[in-house]
Amino acid sequence: MNKEEILAKSREENKNRDIYGQEVSKLANSVAVVVMLVLAAVFFIVQIAVGGGKNYGLWALVFGADMANHWVRYIKLRLGGELLAALIYTAIVVLLSVCHIYSLTALI
């Protein structure tokens, strides 16, 4: 195979997608999740410190992002590890959501 054939095959496989742009998007998503995790931790600690109780809803949101990420990867790639992670994150999100809703309704 010569250089032109290899380039043509690569273009066909990638369907002229911007590989660098895809990598940057993946990095941006990872950074966004970490920032969300740090902010949720700070807000959670401050809320407890000032006597505002515990807000499990923050954590449900943080884990919800990871849950969605793993579900999409499982649906698109059909990797068993992604299914397991998606199910675990789903259970965590459901548990945290129930705790959050219970804490809100217990105040009524």
PDB file of N, CA and C in Angstrom:
ATOM      1  N   MET A   1       0.839  -1.183   0.000  1.00  0.00           N
ATOM      2  CA  MET A   1       0.000   0.000   0.000  1.00  0.00           C
ATOM      3  C   MET A   1       0.885   1.247   0.000  1.00  0.00           C
ATOM      4  N   ASN A   2       0.548   2.199  -0.848  1.00  0.00           N
ATOM      5  CA  ASN A   2       1.331   3.427  -0.849  1.00  0.00           C
ATOM      6  C   ASN A   2       0.686   4.459   0.073  1.00  0.00           C
ATOM      7  N   LYS A   3       1.358   5.561   0.186  1.00  0.00           N
ATOM      8  CA  LYS A   3       0.927   6.610   1.116  1.00  0.00           C
ATOM      9  C   LYS A   3      -0.476   7.112   0.807  1.00  0.00           C
ATOM     10  N   GLU A   4      -0.801   7.308  -0.451  1.00  0.00           N
ATOM     11  CA  GLU A   4      -2.124   7.820  -0.838  1.00  0.00           C
ATOM     12  C   GLU A   4      -3.240   6.834  -0.498  1.00  0.00           C
ATOM     13  N   GLU A   5      -2.976   5.544  -0.714  1.00  0.00           N
ATOM     14  CA  GLU A   5      -3.982   4.543  -0.368  1.00  0.00           C
ATOM     15  C   GLU A   5      -4.232   4.505   1.133  1.00  0.00           C
ATOM     16  N   ILE A   6      -3.160   4.617   1.922  1.00  0.00           N
ATOM     17  CA  ILE A   6      -3.292   4.632   3.388  1.00  0.00           C
ATOM     18  C   ILE A   6      -4.085   5.847   3.838  1.00  0.00           C
ATOM     19  N   LEU A   7      -3.787   7.008   3.260  1.00  0.00           N
ATOM     20  CA  LEU A   7      -4.524   8.229   3.612  1.00  0.00           C
ATOM     21  C   LEU A   7      -5.991   8.117   3.226  1.00  0.00           C
ATOM     22  N   ALA A   8      -6.265   7.564   2.060  1.00  0.00           N
ATOM     23  CA  ALA A   8      -7.650   7.404   1.615  1.00  0.00           C
ATOM     24  C   ALA A   8      -8.409   6.458   2.540  1.00  0.00           C
ATOM     25  N   LYS A   9      -7.754   5.367   2.932  1.00  0.00           N
ATOM     26  CA  LYS A   9      -8.389   4.414   3.839  1.00  0.00           C
ATOM     27  C   LYS A   9      -8.641   5.056   5.204  1.00  0.00           C
ATOM     28  N   SER A  10      -7.700   5.829   5.692  1.00  0.00           N
ATOM     29  CA  SER A  10      -7.853   6.516   6.980  1.00  0.00           C
ATOM     30  C   SER A  10      -9.002   7.515   6.937  1.00  0.00           C
ATOM     31  N   ARG A  11      -9.089   8.252   5.830  1.00  0.00           N
ATOM     32  CA  ARG A  11     -10.191   9.220   5.686  1.00  0.00           C
ATOM     33  C   ARG A  11     -11.536   8.513   5.665  1.00  0.00           C
ATOM     34  N   GLU A  12     -11.580   7.364   4.992  1.00  0.00           N
ATOM     35  CA  GLU A  12     -12.832   6.604   4.920  1.00  0.00           C
ATOM     36  C   GLU A  12     -13.227   6.091   6.300  1.00  0.00           C
ATOM     37  N   GLU A  13     -12.254   5.588   7.053  1.00  0.00           N
ATOM     38  CA  GLU A  13     -12.538   5.074   8.392  1.00  0.00           C
ATOM     39  C   GLU A  13     -13.007   6.181   9.323  1.00  0.00           C
ATOM     40  N   ASN A  14     -12.392   7.330   9.205  1.00  0.00           N
ATOM     41  CA  ASN A  14     -12.724   8.445  10.101  1.00  0.00           C
ATOM     42  C   ASN A  14     -13.838   9.325   9.548  1.00  0.00           C
ATOM     43  N   LYS A  15     -14.231   9.090   8.313  1.00  0.00           N
ATOM     44  CA  LYS A  15     -15.297   9.843   7.652  1.00  0.00           C
ATOM     45  C   LYS A  15     -15.087  11.362   7.803  1.00  0.00           C
ATOM     46  N   ASN A  16     -13.842  11.759   7.614  1.00  0.00           N
ATOM     47  CA  ASN A  16     -13.431  13.169   7.669  1.00  0.00           C
ATOM     48  C   ASN A  16     -13.766  13.846   8.999  1.00  0.00           C
ATOM     49  N   ARG A  17     -13.832  13.066  10.092  1.00  0.00           N
ATOM     50  CA  ARG A  17     -14.043  13.652  11.414  1.00  0.00           C
ATOM     51  C   ARG A  17     -12.738  14.249  11.907  1.00  0.00           C
ATOM     52  N   ASP A  18     -12.861  15.247  12.705  1.00  0.00           N
ATOM     53  CA  ASP A  18     -11.692  15.903  13.279  1.00  0.00           C
ATOM     54  C   ASP A  18     -11.273  15.130  14.529  1.00  0.00           C
ATOM     55  N   ILE A  19     -10.269  14.293  14.403  1.00  0.00           N
ATOM     56  CA  ILE A  19      -9.825  13.451  15.509  1.00  0.00           C
ATOM     57  C   ILE A  19      -9.315  14.307  16.664  1.00  0.00           C
ATOM     58  N   TYR A  20      -8.552  15.348  16.366  1.00  0.00           N
ATOM     59  CA  TYR A  20      -8.043  16.228  17.418  1.00  0.00           C
ATOM     60  C   TYR A  20      -9.204  16.888  18.161  1.00  0.00           C
ATOM     61  N   GLY A  21     -10.206  17.327  17.432  1.00  0.00           N
ATOM     62  CA  GLY A  21     -11.382  17.943  18.057  1.00  0.00           C
ATOM     63  C   GLY A  21     -12.106  16.969  18.966  1.00  0.00           C
ATOM     64  N   GLN A  22     -12.176  15.699  18.568  1.00  0.00           N
ATOM     65  CA  GLN A  22     -12.812  14.678  19.394  1.00  0.00           C
ATOM     66  C   GLN A  22     -12.020  14.450  20.679  1.00  0.00           C
ATOM     67  N   GLU A  23     -10.708  14.426  20.575  1.00  0.00           N
ATOM     68  CA  GLU A  23      -9.867  14.247  21.761  1.00  0.00           C
ATOM     69  C   GLU A  23     -10.000  15.429  22.710  1.00  0.00           C
ATOM     70  N   VAL A  24     -10.060  16.638  22.161  1.00  0.00           N
ATOM     71  CA  VAL A  24     -10.239  17.827  22.990  1.00  0.00           C
ATOM     72  C   VAL A  24     -11.594  17.785  23.686  1.00  0.00           C
ATOM     73  N   SER A  25     -12.616  17.335  22.987  1.00  0.00           N
ATOM     74  CA  SER A  25     -13.950  17.226  23.589  1.00  0.00           C
ATOM     75  C   SER A  25     -13.952  16.217  24.727  1.00  0.00           C
ATOM     76  N   LYS A  26     -13.279  15.090  24.551  1.00  0.00           N
ATOM     77  CA  LYS A  26     -13.195  14.096  25.621  1.00  0.00           C
ATOM     78  C   LYS A  26     -12.480  14.662  26.835  1.00  0.00           C
ATOM     79  N   LEU A  27     -11.386  15.387  26.596  1.00  0.00           N
ATOM     80  CA  LEU A  27     -10.652  16.006  27.703  1.00  0.00           C
ATOM     81  C   LEU A  27     -11.516  17.042  28.404  1.00  0.00           C
ATOM     82  N   ALA A  28     -12.232  17.842  27.626  1.00  0.00           N
ATOM     83  CA  ALA A  28     -13.111  18.867  28.206  1.00  0.00           C
ATOM     84  C   ALA A  28     -14.198  18.233  29.065  1.00  0.00           C
ATOM     85  N   ASN A  29     -14.770  17.132  28.616  1.00  0.00           N
ATOM     86  CA  ASN A  29     -15.790  16.442  29.397  1.00  0.00           C
ATOM     87  C   ASN A  29     -15.215  15.908  30.703  1.00  0.00           C
ATOM     88  N   SER A  30     -14.019  15.355  30.648  1.00  0.00           N
ATOM     89  CA  SER A  30     -13.375  14.841  31.858  1.00  0.00           C
ATOM     90  C   SER A  30     -13.097  15.960  32.848  1.00  0.00           C
ATOM     91  N   VAL A  31     -12.590  17.069  32.361  1.00  0.00           N
ATOM     92  CA  VAL A  31     -12.305  18.210  33.231  1.00  0.00           C
ATOM     93  C   VAL A  31     -13.595  18.757  33.831  1.00  0.00           C
ATOM     94  N   ALA A  32     -14.656  18.801  33.032  1.00  0.00           N
ATOM     95  CA  ALA A  32     -15.943  19.307  33.520  1.00  0.00           C
ATOM     96  C   ALA A  32     -16.466  18.454  34.669  1.00  0.00           C
ATOM     97  N   VAL A  33     -16.327  17.146  34.564  1.00  0.00           N
ATOM     98  CA  VAL A  33     -16.800  16.261  35.630  1.00  0.00           C
ATOM     99  C   VAL A  33     -15.975  16.471  36.897  1.00  0.00           C
ATOM    100  N   VAL A  34     -14.672  16.638  36.764  1.00  0.00           N
ATOM    101  CA  VAL A  34     -13.828  16.865  37.934  1.00  0.00           C
ATOM    102  C   VAL A  34     -14.181  18.200  38.591  1.00  0.00           C
ATOM    103  N   VAL A  35     -14.381  19.234  37.802  1.00  0.00           N
ATOM    104  CA  VAL A  35     -14.767  20.536  38.355  1.00  0.00           C
ATOM    105  C   VAL A  35     -16.108  20.427  39.080  1.00  0.00           C
ATOM    106  N   MET A  36     -17.046  19.705  38.485  1.00  0.00           N
ATOM    107  CA  MET A  36     -18.347  19.518  39.116  1.00  0.00           C
ATOM    108  C   MET A  36     -18.190  18.777  40.443  1.00  0.00           C
ATOM    109  N   LEU A  37     -17.329  17.792  40.480  1.00  0.00           N
ATOM    110  CA  LEU A  37     -17.080  17.031  41.705  1.00  0.00           C
ATOM    111  C   LEU A  37     -16.485  17.923  42.787  1.00  0.00           C
ATOM    112  N   VAL A  38     -15.506  18.734  42.444  1.00  0.00           N
ATOM    113  CA  VAL A  38     -14.874  19.624  43.422  1.00  0.00           C
ATOM    114  C   VAL A  38     -15.879  20.648  43.949  1.00  0.00           C
ATOM    115  N   LEU A  39     -16.659  21.256  43.054  1.00  0.00           N
ATOM    116  CA  LEU A  39     -17.653  22.239  43.491  1.00  0.00           C
ATOM    117  C   LEU A  39     -18.708  21.603  44.395  1.00  0.00           C
ATOM    118  N   ALA A  40     -19.158  20.411  44.038  1.00  0.00           N
ATOM    119  CA  ALA A  40     -20.148  19.728  44.873  1.00  0.00           C
ATOM    120  C   ALA A  40     -19.575  19.442  46.254  1.00  0.00           C
ATOM    121  N   ALA A  41     -18.313  19.025  46.314  1.00  0.00           N
ATOM    122  CA  ALA A  41     -17.679  18.752  47.613  1.00  0.00           C
ATOM    123  C   ALA A  41     -17.586  20.023  48.448  1.00  0.00           C
ATOM    124  N   VAL A  42     -17.172  21.112  47.823  1.00  0.00           N
ATOM    125  CA  VAL A  42     -17.071  22.390  48.547  1.00  0.00           C
ATOM    126  C   VAL A  42     -18.444  22.824  49.047  1.00  0.00           C
ATOM    127  N   PHE A  43     -19.452  22.788  48.195  1.00  0.00           N
ATOM    128  CA  PHE A  43     -20.802  23.196  48.601  1.00  0.00           C
ATOM    129  C   PHE A  43     -21.350  22.293  49.704  1.00  0.00           C
ATOM    130  N   PHE A  44     -21.100  20.997  49.602  1.00  0.00           N
ATOM    131  CA  PHE A  44     -21.573  20.031  50.595  1.00  0.00           C
ATOM    132  C   PHE A  44     -20.944  20.327  51.959  1.00  0.00           C
ATOM    133  N   ILE A  45     -19.627  20.536  51.974  1.00  0.00           N
ATOM    134  CA  ILE A  45     -18.912  20.815  53.232  1.00  0.00           C
ATOM    135  C   ILE A  45     -19.358  22.132  53.835  1.00  0.00           C
ATOM    136  N   VAL A  46     -19.486  23.163  53.005  1.00  0.00           N
ATOM    137  CA  VAL A  46     -19.927  24.473  53.509  1.00  0.00           C
ATOM    138  C   VAL A  46     -21.343  24.367  54.071  1.00  0.00           C
ATOM    139  N   GLN A  47     -22.215  23.663  53.396  1.00  0.00           N
ATOM    140  CA  GLN A  47     -23.593  23.531  53.854  1.00  0.00           C
ATOM    141  C   GLN A  47     -23.645  22.829  55.213  1.00  0.00           C
ATOM    142  N   ILE A  48     -22.848  21.804  55.400  1.00  0.00           N
ATOM    143  CA  ILE A  48     -22.802  21.111  56.689  1.00  0.00           C
ATOM    144  C   ILE A  48     -22.207  22.034  57.749  1.00  0.00           C
ATOM    145  N   ALA A  49     -21.135  22.754  57.385  1.00  0.00           N
ATOM    146  CA  ALA A  49     -20.443  23.624  58.347  1.00  0.00           C
ATOM    147  C   ALA A  49     -21.335  24.750  58.862  1.00  0.00           C
ATOM    148  N   VAL A  50     -22.205  25.270  58.034  1.00  0.00           N
ATOM    149  CA  VAL A  50     -23.066  26.376  58.466  1.00  0.00           C
ATOM    150  C   VAL A  50     -24.381  25.869  59.043  1.00  0.00           C
ATOM    151  N   GLY A  51     -24.492  24.560  59.209  1.00  0.00           N
ATOM    152  CA  GLY A  51     -25.683  24.006  59.839  1.00  0.00           C
ATOM    153  C   GLY A  51     -26.858  23.823  58.901  1.00  0.00           C
ATOM    154  N   GLY A  52     -26.598  23.749  57.622  1.00  0.00           N
ATOM    155  CA  GLY A  52     -27.682  23.616  56.653  1.00  0.00           C
ATOM    156  C   GLY A  52     -28.048  22.182  56.326  1.00  0.00           C
ATOM    157  N   GLY A  53     -27.476  21.224  57.037  1.00  0.00           N
ATOM    158  CA  GLY A  53     -27.778  19.824  56.760  1.00  0.00           C
ATOM    159  C   GLY A  53     -26.973  19.298  55.596  1.00  0.00           C
ATOM    160  N   LYS A  54     -27.394  18.160  55.099  1.00  0.00           N
ATOM    161  CA  LYS A  54     -26.687  17.514  53.995  1.00  0.00           C
ATOM    162  C   LYS A  54     -27.547  17.569  52.738  1.00  0.00           C
ATOM    163  N   ASN A  55     -26.915  17.922  51.633  1.00  0.00           N
ATOM    164  CA  ASN A  55     -27.623  18.013  50.357  1.00  0.00           C
ATOM    165  C   ASN A  55     -27.148  16.877  49.458  1.00  0.00           C
ATOM    166  N   TYR A  56     -27.860  15.776  49.508  1.00  0.00           N
ATOM    167  CA  TYR A  56     -27.491  14.624  48.691  1.00  0.00           C
ATOM    168  C   TYR A  56     -27.779  14.868  47.210  1.00  0.00           C
ATOM    169  N   GLY A  57     -28.595  15.855  46.922  1.00  0.00           N
ATOM    170  CA  GLY A  57     -28.907  16.185  45.536  1.00  0.00           C
ATOM    171  C   GLY A  57     -27.681  16.598  44.748  1.00  0.00           C
ATOM    172  N   LEU A  58     -26.747  17.298  45.404  1.00  0.00           N
ATOM    173  CA  LEU A  58     -25.504  17.677  44.734  1.00  0.00           C
ATOM    174  C   LEU A  58     -24.757  16.444  44.249  1.00  0.00           C
ATOM    175  N   TRP A  59     -24.673  15.455  45.122  1.00  0.00           N
ATOM    176  CA  TRP A  59     -23.944  14.243  44.761  1.00  0.00           C
ATOM    177  C   TRP A  59     -24.690  13.442  43.708  1.00  0.00           C
ATOM    178  N   ALA A  60     -26.010  13.467  43.753  1.00  0.00           N
ATOM    179  CA  ALA A  60     -26.783  12.778  42.716  1.00  0.00           C
ATOM    180  C   ALA A  60     -26.474  13.386  41.351  1.00  0.00           C
ATOM    181  N   LEU A  61     -26.329  14.703  41.305  1.00  0.00           N
ATOM    182  CA  LEU A  61     -25.983  15.367  40.040  1.00  0.00           C
ATOM    183  C   LEU A  61     -24.590  14.973  39.563  1.00  0.00           C
ATOM    184  N   VAL A  62     -23.639  14.980  40.487  1.00  0.00           N
ATOM    185  CA  VAL A  62     -22.266  14.642  40.114  1.00  0.00           C
ATOM    186  C   VAL A  62     -22.190  13.205  39.590  1.00  0.00           C
ATOM    187  N   PHE A  63     -22.748  12.277  40.349  1.00  0.00           N
ATOM    188  CA  PHE A  63     -22.705  10.884  39.914  1.00  0.00           C
ATOM    189  C   PHE A  63     -23.598  10.651  38.696  1.00  0.00           C
ATOM    190  N   GLY A  64     -24.610  11.485  38.523  1.00  0.00           N
ATOM    191  CA  GLY A  64     -25.477  11.384  37.354  1.00  0.00           C
ATOM    192  C   GLY A  64     -24.718  11.635  36.058  1.00  0.00           C
ATOM    193  N   ALA A  65     -23.765  12.554  36.102  1.00  0.00           N
ATOM    194  CA  ALA A  65     -22.951  12.822  34.916  1.00  0.00           C
ATOM    195  C   ALA A  65     -22.118  11.595  34.553  1.00  0.00           C
ATOM    196  N   ASP A  66     -21.504  10.981  35.562  1.00  0.00           N
ATOM    197  CA  ASP A  66     -20.725   9.766  35.301  1.00  0.00           C
ATOM    198  C   ASP A  66     -21.629   8.622  34.851  1.00  0.00           C
ATOM    199  N   MET A  67     -22.805   8.531  35.454  1.00  0.00           N
ATOM    200  CA  MET A  67     -23.761   7.493  35.077  1.00  0.00           C
ATOM    201  C   MET A  67     -24.110   7.620  33.588  1.00  0.00           C
ATOM    202  N   ALA A  68     -24.452   8.814  33.167  1.00  0.00           N
ATOM    203  CA  ALA A  68     -24.811   9.038  31.762  1.00  0.00           C
ATOM    204  C   ALA A  68     -23.640   8.717  30.839  1.00  0.00           C
ATOM    205  N   ASN A  69     -22.453   9.114  31.252  1.00  0.00           N
ATOM    206  CA  ASN A  69     -21.251   8.852  30.469  1.00  0.00           C
ATOM    207  C   ASN A  69     -21.075   7.351  30.245  1.00  0.00           C
ATOM    208  N   HIS A  70     -21.196   6.558  31.299  1.00  0.00           N
ATOM    209  CA  HIS A  70     -21.023   5.111  31.177  1.00  0.00           C
ATOM    210  C   HIS A  70     -22.147   4.461  30.379  1.00  0.00           C
ATOM    211  N   TRP A  71     -23.379   4.940  30.533  1.00  0.00           N
ATOM    212  CA  TRP A  71     -24.479   4.374  29.743  1.00  0.00           C
ATOM    213  C   TRP A  71     -24.268   4.623  28.251  1.00  0.00           C
ATOM    214  N   VAL A  72     -23.841   5.835  27.891  1.00  0.00           N
ATOM    215  CA  VAL A  72     -23.606   6.143  26.474  1.00  0.00           C
ATOM    216  C   VAL A  72     -22.480   5.267  25.931  1.00  0.00           C
ATOM    217  N   ARG A  73     -21.396   5.130  26.698  1.00  0.00           N
ATOM    218  CA  ARG A  73     -20.285   4.293  26.245  1.00  0.00           C
ATOM    219  C   ARG A  73     -20.720   2.830  26.095  1.00  0.00           C
ATOM    220  N   TYR A  74     -21.548   2.371  27.033  1.00  0.00           N
ATOM    221  CA  TYR A  74     -22.021   0.989  26.914  1.00  0.00           C
ATOM    222  C   TYR A  74     -22.909   0.823  25.687  1.00  0.00           C
ATOM    223  N   ILE A  75     -23.842   1.727  25.482  1.00  0.00           N
ATOM    224  CA  ILE A  75     -24.768   1.622  24.356  1.00  0.00           C
ATOM    225  C   ILE A  75     -24.021   1.673  23.023  1.00  0.00           C
ATOM    226  N   LYS A  76     -23.025   2.544  22.939  1.00  0.00           N
ATOM    227  CA  LYS A  76     -22.294   2.694  21.675  1.00  0.00           C
ATOM    228  C   LYS A  76     -21.229   1.621  21.463  1.00  0.00           C
ATOM    229  N   LEU A  77     -20.547   1.188  22.538  1.00  0.00           N
ATOM    230  CA  LEU A  77     -19.412   0.284  22.399  1.00  0.00           C
ATOM    231  C   LEU A  77     -19.688  -1.152  22.851  1.00  0.00           C
ATOM    232  N   ARG A  78     -20.762  -1.356  23.605  1.00  0.00           N
ATOM    233  CA  ARG A  78     -21.151  -2.677  24.113  1.00  0.00           C
ATOM    234  C   ARG A  78     -20.027  -3.358  24.898  1.00  0.00           C
ATOM    235  N   LEU A  79     -19.390  -2.592  25.784  1.00  0.00           N
ATOM    236  CA  LEU A  79     -18.344  -3.143  26.637  1.00  0.00           C
ATOM    237  C   LEU A  79     -18.944  -3.537  27.982  1.00  0.00           C
ATOM    238  N   GLY A  80     -18.654  -4.759  28.431  1.00  0.00           N
ATOM    239  CA  GLY A  80     -19.212  -5.265  29.681  1.00  0.00           C
ATOM    240  C   GLY A  80     -18.829  -4.425  30.890  1.00  0.00           C
ATOM    241  N   GLY A  81     -17.602  -3.946  30.908  1.00  0.00           N
ATOM    242  CA  GLY A  81     -17.150  -3.104  32.016  1.00  0.00           C
ATOM    243  C   GLY A  81     -17.943  -1.812  32.111  1.00  0.00           C
ATOM    244  N   GLU A  82     -18.320  -1.284  30.977  1.00  0.00           N
ATOM    245  CA  GLU A  82     -19.118  -0.060  30.962  1.00  0.00           C
ATOM    246  C   GLU A  82     -20.525  -0.320  31.496  1.00  0.00           C
ATOM    247  N   LEU A  83     -21.070  -1.490  31.180  1.00  0.00           N
ATOM    248  CA  LEU A  83     -22.398  -1.845  31.704  1.00  0.00           C
ATOM    249  C   LEU A  83     -22.350  -1.952  33.222  1.00  0.00           C
ATOM    250  N   LEU A  84     -21.336  -2.622  33.729  1.00  0.00           N
ATOM    251  CA  LEU A  84     -21.198  -2.762  35.182  1.00  0.00           C
ATOM    252  C   LEU A  84     -21.069  -1.389  35.844  1.00  0.00           C
ATOM    253  N   ALA A  85     -20.213  -0.535  35.298  1.00  0.00           N
ATOM    254  CA  ALA A  85     -20.040   0.808  35.853  1.00  0.00           C
ATOM    255  C   ALA A  85     -21.341   1.601  35.765  1.00  0.00           C
ATOM    256  N   ALA A  86     -22.047   1.479  34.650  1.00  0.00           N
ATOM    257  CA  ALA A  86     -23.314   2.199  34.473  1.00  0.00           C
ATOM    258  C   ALA A  86     -24.334   1.752  35.514  1.00  0.00           C
ATOM    259  N   LEU A  87     -24.409   0.453  35.761  1.00  0.00           N
ATOM    260  CA  LEU A  87     -25.357  -0.056  36.750  1.00  0.00           C
ATOM    261  C   LEU A  87     -24.997   0.403  38.160  1.00  0.00           C
ATOM    262  N   ILE A  88     -23.707   0.394  38.481  1.00  0.00           N
ATOM    263  CA  ILE A  88     -23.272   0.851  39.804  1.00  0.00           C
ATOM    264  C   ILE A  88     -23.585   2.338  39.982  1.00  0.00           C
ATOM    265  N   TYR A  89     -23.240   3.141  38.988  1.00  0.00           N
ATOM    266  CA  TYR A  89     -23.527   4.572  39.078  1.00  0.00           C
ATOM    267  C   TYR A  89     -25.026   4.834  39.133  1.00  0.00           C
ATOM    268  N   THR A  90     -25.811   4.041  38.417  1.00  0.00           N
ATOM    269  CA  THR A  90     -27.265   4.198  38.455  1.00  0.00           C
ATOM    270  C   THR A  90     -27.781   3.927  39.869  1.00  0.00           C
ATOM    271  N   ALA A  91     -27.289   2.872  40.493  1.00  0.00           N
ATOM    272  CA  ALA A  91     -27.705   2.556  41.862  1.00  0.00           C
ATOM    273  C   ALA A  91     -27.331   3.682  42.818  1.00  0.00           C
ATOM    274  N   ILE A  92     -26.132   4.242  42.651  1.00  0.00           N
ATOM    275  CA  ILE A  92     -25.690   5.349  43.515  1.00  0.00           C
ATOM    276  C   ILE A  92     -26.592   6.557  43.315  1.00  0.00           C
ATOM    277  N   VAL A  93     -26.887   6.893  42.068  1.00  0.00           N
ATOM    278  CA  VAL A  93     -27.730   8.058  41.773  1.00  0.00           C
ATOM    279  C   VAL A  93     -29.132   7.866  42.351  1.00  0.00           C
ATOM    280  N   VAL A  94     -29.678   6.669  42.197  1.00  0.00           N
ATOM    281  CA  VAL A  94     -31.013   6.400  42.744  1.00  0.00           C
ATOM    282  C   VAL A  94     -30.990   6.534  44.266  1.00  0.00           C
ATOM    283  N   LEU A  95     -29.999   5.956  44.918  1.00  0.00           N
ATOM    284  CA  LEU A  95     -29.886   6.030  46.377  1.00  0.00           C
ATOM    285  C   LEU A  95     -29.751   7.484  46.843  1.00  0.00           C
ATOM    286  N   LEU A  96     -28.868   8.230  46.209  1.00  0.00           N
ATOM    287  CA  LEU A  96     -28.678   9.635  46.593  1.00  0.00           C
ATOM    288  C   LEU A  96     -29.933  10.463  46.321  1.00  0.00           C
ATOM    289  N   SER A  97     -30.610  10.176  45.238  1.00  0.00           N
ATOM    290  CA  SER A  97     -31.846  10.905  44.915  1.00  0.00           C
ATOM    291  C   SER A  97     -32.927  10.619  45.953  1.00  0.00           C
ATOM    292  N   VAL A  98     -33.048   9.351  46.329  1.00  0.00           N
ATOM    293  CA  VAL A  98     -34.028   8.988  47.355  1.00  0.00           C
ATOM    294  C   VAL A  98     -33.694   9.681  48.678  1.00  0.00           C
ATOM    295  N   CYS A  99     -32.413   9.669  49.054  1.00  0.00           N
ATOM    296  CA  CYS A  99     -32.003  10.356  50.291  1.00  0.00           C
ATOM    297  C   CYS A  99     -32.314  11.843  50.223  1.00  0.00           C
ATOM    298  N   HIS A 100     -32.056  12.442  49.087  1.00  0.00           N
ATOM    299  CA  HIS A 100     -32.307  13.879  48.938  1.00  0.00           C
ATOM    300  C   HIS A 100     -33.799  14.187  49.027  1.00  0.00           C
ATOM    301  N   ILE A 101     -34.600  13.428  48.310  1.00  0.00           N
ATOM    302  CA  ILE A 101     -36.051  13.675  48.330  1.00  0.00           C
ATOM    303  C   ILE A 101     -36.621  13.397  49.714  1.00  0.00           C
ATOM    304  N   TYR A 102     -36.113  12.345  50.363  1.00  0.00           N
ATOM    305  CA  TYR A 102     -36.575  12.053  51.725  1.00  0.00           C
ATOM    306  C   TYR A 102     -36.231  13.193  52.679  1.00  0.00           C
ATOM    307  N   SER A 103     -35.005  13.712  52.573  1.00  0.00           N
ATOM    308  CA  SER A 103     -34.601  14.804  53.467  1.00  0.00           C
ATOM    309  C   SER A 103     -35.455  16.059  53.213  1.00  0.00           C
ATOM    310  N   LEU A 104     -35.871  16.272  51.988  1.00  0.00           N
ATOM    311  CA  LEU A 104     -36.738  17.421  51.687  1.00  0.00           C
ATOM    312  C   LEU A 104     -38.149  17.215  52.218  1.00  0.00           C
ATOM    313  N   THR A 105     -38.672  16.001  52.052  1.00  0.00           N
ATOM    314  CA  THR A 105     -40.057  15.745  52.495  1.00  0.00           C
ATOM    315  C   THR A 105     -40.157  15.543  53.997  1.00  0.00           C
ATOM    316  N   ALA A 106     -39.076  15.160  54.661  1.00  0.00           N
ATOM    317  CA  ALA A 106     -39.077  14.966  56.102  1.00  0.00           C
ATOM    318  C   ALA A 106     -39.211  16.304  56.819  1.00  0.00           C
ATOM    319  N   LEU A 107     -38.860  17.383  56.120  1.00  0.00           N
ATOM    320  CA  LEU A 107     -38.950  18.720  56.724  1.00  0.00           C
ATOM    321  C   LEU A 107     -40.367  19.268  56.689  1.00  0.00           C
ATOM    322  N   ILE A 108     -41.224  18.672  55.881  1.00  0.00           N
ATOM    323  CA  ILE A 108     -42.573  19.192  55.709  1.00  0.00           C
ATOM    324  C   ILE A 108     -43.447  18.777  56.877  1.00  0.00           C
TER     325      ILE A 108
END
